[in-house]
């Protein structure tokens, strides 16, 4: 397996982890906060630990867009699209 294929696979895994973060964020919005110690709470901790170092620097430059009571995380969109663009060139 070539180095470019490994990089592309790693970026794909990062995209999948970002999608899992979106699903878990929606679960918090729809089902409420996770109970401490539950599977969902542990999954949120792991996913946030993995994704926050990628999203935080972008979020400093591009804060979430607030529309009424809804907040759209533009950092997530930018990072996800940037990874997709990089993968398309590999």
C-alpha atoms as a PDB file:
ATOM      1  CA  UNK A   1       0.000   0.000   0.000  1.00  0.00           C
ATOM      2  CA  UNK A   2       1.419   3.368  -0.977  1.00  0.00           C
ATOM      3  CA  UNK A   3       1.937   6.299   1.365  1.00  0.00           C
ATOM      4  CA  UNK A   4      -0.745   8.317  -0.444  1.00  0.00           C
ATOM      5  CA  UNK A   5      -3.236   5.488   0.009  1.00  0.00           C
ATOM      6  CA  UNK A   6      -2.455   5.388   3.744  1.00  0.00           C
ATOM      7  CA  UNK A   7      -2.873   9.162   4.049  1.00  0.00           C
ATOM      8  CA  UNK A   8      -6.167   8.965   2.171  1.00  0.00           C
ATOM      9  CA  UNK A   9      -7.348   6.159   4.470  1.00  0.00           C
ATOM     10  CA  UNK A  10      -6.355   8.158   7.564  1.00  0.00           C
ATOM     11  CA  UNK A  11      -8.255  11.199   6.274  1.00  0.00           C
ATOM     12  CA  UNK A  12     -11.287   9.016   5.540  1.00  0.00           C
ATOM     13  CA  UNK A  13     -11.190   7.748   9.128  1.00  0.00           C
ATOM     14  CA  UNK A  14     -11.065  11.337  10.393  1.00  0.00           C
ATOM     15  CA  UNK A  15     -14.120  12.150   8.265  1.00  0.00           C
ATOM     16  CA  UNK A  16     -15.958   9.152   9.703  1.00  0.00           C
ATOM     17  CA  UNK A  17     -15.104  10.252  13.242  1.00  0.00           C
ATOM     18  CA  UNK A  18     -16.452  13.729  12.403  1.00  0.00           C
ATOM     19  CA  UNK A  19     -19.701  12.158  11.179  1.00  0.00           C
ATOM     20  CA  UNK A  20     -19.941  10.186  14.429  1.00  0.00           C
ATOM     21  CA  UNK A  21     -19.505  13.468  16.301  1.00  0.00           C
ATOM     22  CA  UNK A  22     -22.437  14.982  14.400  1.00  0.00           C
ATOM     23  CA  UNK A  23     -24.619  11.974  15.214  1.00  0.00           C
ATOM     24  CA  UNK A  24     -23.688  12.138  18.885  1.00  0.00           C
ATOM     25  CA  UNK A  25     -24.266  15.910  18.974  1.00  0.00           C
ATOM     26  CA  UNK A  26     -27.718  15.370  17.517  1.00  0.00           C
ATOM     27  CA  UNK A  27     -28.383  12.661  20.110  1.00  0.00           C
ATOM     28  CA  UNK A  28     -27.679  15.235  22.811  1.00  0.00           C
ATOM     29  CA  UNK A  29     -30.057  17.688  21.166  1.00  0.00           C
ATOM     30  CA  UNK A  30     -32.834  15.124  20.709  1.00  0.00           C
ATOM     31  CA  UNK A  31     -32.447  12.906  23.777  1.00  0.00           C
ATOM     32  CA  UNK A  32     -30.867  15.341  26.210  1.00  0.00           C
ATOM     33  CA  UNK A  33     -27.532  15.141  27.968  1.00  0.00           C
ATOM     34  CA  UNK A  34     -25.983  11.713  28.433  1.00  0.00           C
ATOM     35  CA  UNK A  35     -26.075  10.195  31.886  1.00  0.00           C
ATOM     36  CA  UNK A  36     -22.606  10.140  33.473  1.00  0.00           C
ATOM     37  CA  UNK A  37     -20.919   6.788  32.930  1.00  0.00           C
ATOM     38  CA  UNK A  38     -23.276   5.721  30.149  1.00  0.00           C
ATOM     39  CA  UNK A  39     -22.054   4.413  26.810  1.00  0.00           C
ATOM     40  CA  UNK A  40     -23.135   7.637  25.112  1.00  0.00           C
ATOM     41  CA  UNK A  41     -21.257   9.775  27.645  1.00  0.00           C
ATOM     42  CA  UNK A  42     -18.071   7.737  27.169  1.00  0.00           C
ATOM     43  CA  UNK A  43     -18.477   7.845  23.378  1.00  0.00           C
ATOM     44  CA  UNK A  44     -18.919  11.636  23.513  1.00  0.00           C
ATOM     45  CA  UNK A  45     -15.753  11.985  25.597  1.00  0.00           C
ATOM     46  CA  UNK A  46     -13.699   9.874  23.177  1.00  0.00           C
ATOM     47  CA  UNK A  47     -15.047  11.561  20.040  1.00  0.00           C
ATOM     48  CA  UNK A  48     -14.593  15.068  21.487  1.00  0.00           C
ATOM     49  CA  UNK A  49     -11.033  14.207  22.523  1.00  0.00           C
ATOM     50  CA  UNK A  50     -10.252  13.130  18.965  1.00  0.00           C
ATOM     51  CA  UNK A  51     -12.039  15.894  17.043  1.00  0.00           C
ATOM     52  CA  UNK A  52     -11.668  18.986  19.199  1.00  0.00           C
ATOM     53  CA  UNK A  53      -7.958  19.535  18.384  1.00  0.00           C
ATOM     54  CA  UNK A  54      -8.978  19.709  14.711  1.00  0.00           C
ATOM     55  CA  UNK A  55     -12.002  21.949  15.186  1.00  0.00           C
ATOM     56  CA  UNK A  56     -10.862  24.369  17.925  1.00  0.00           C
ATOM     57  CA  UNK A  57      -8.280  26.292  15.841  1.00  0.00           C
ATOM     58  CA  UNK A  58     -10.781  26.746  13.012  1.00  0.00           C
ATOM     59  CA  UNK A  59     -13.491  27.758  15.484  1.00  0.00           C
ATOM     60  CA  UNK A  60     -11.220  30.546  16.814  1.00  0.00           C
ATOM     61  CA  UNK A  61     -11.082  32.056  13.321  1.00  0.00           C
ATOM     62  CA  UNK A  62     -14.634  31.155  12.282  1.00  0.00           C
ATOM     63  CA  UNK A  63     -17.044  31.116  15.244  1.00  0.00           C
ATOM     64  CA  UNK A  64     -20.376  29.251  15.086  1.00  0.00           C
ATOM     65  CA  UNK A  65     -23.145  30.970  13.152  1.00  0.00           C
ATOM     66  CA  UNK A  66     -26.116  31.737  15.369  1.00  0.00           C
ATOM     67  CA  UNK A  67     -29.584  31.833  13.823  1.00  0.00           C
ATOM     68  CA  UNK A  68     -32.219  32.257  16.504  1.00  0.00           C
ATOM     69  CA  UNK A  69     -31.901  29.359  18.930  1.00  0.00           C
ATOM     70  CA  UNK A  70     -29.787  27.311  16.538  1.00  0.00           C
ATOM     71  CA  UNK A  71     -26.013  27.377  16.242  1.00  0.00           C
ATOM     72  CA  UNK A  72     -24.288  26.052  13.117  1.00  0.00           C
ATOM     73  CA  UNK A  73     -20.701  24.942  13.629  1.00  0.00           C
ATOM     74  CA  UNK A  74     -18.945  26.348  10.585  1.00  0.00           C
ATOM     75  CA  UNK A  75     -15.626  24.912  11.773  1.00  0.00           C
ATOM     76  CA  UNK A  76     -16.981  21.403  11.306  1.00  0.00           C
ATOM     77  CA  UNK A  77     -18.117  22.185   7.762  1.00  0.00           C
ATOM     78  CA  UNK A  78     -14.786  23.789   6.843  1.00  0.00           C
ATOM     79  CA  UNK A  79     -12.689  20.924   8.247  1.00  0.00           C
ATOM     80  CA  UNK A  80     -14.883  18.249   6.670  1.00  0.00           C
ATOM     81  CA  UNK A  81     -14.810  19.926   3.246  1.00  0.00           C
ATOM     82  CA  UNK A  82     -11.076  20.600   3.472  1.00  0.00           C
ATOM     83  CA  UNK A  83     -10.424  16.920   4.168  1.00  0.00           C
ATOM     84  CA  UNK A  84     -12.680  15.958   1.238  1.00  0.00           C
ATOM     85  CA  UNK A  85     -10.778  18.311  -1.074  1.00  0.00           C
ATOM     86  CA  UNK A  86      -7.396  16.979   0.085  1.00  0.00           C
ATOM     87  CA  UNK A  87      -8.593  13.389  -0.421  1.00  0.00           C
ATOM     88  CA  UNK A  88      -9.772  14.220  -3.954  1.00  0.00           C
ATOM     89  CA  UNK A  89      -6.227  15.292  -4.872  1.00  0.00           C
ATOM     90  CA  UNK A  90      -4.623  12.132  -3.450  1.00  0.00           C
END
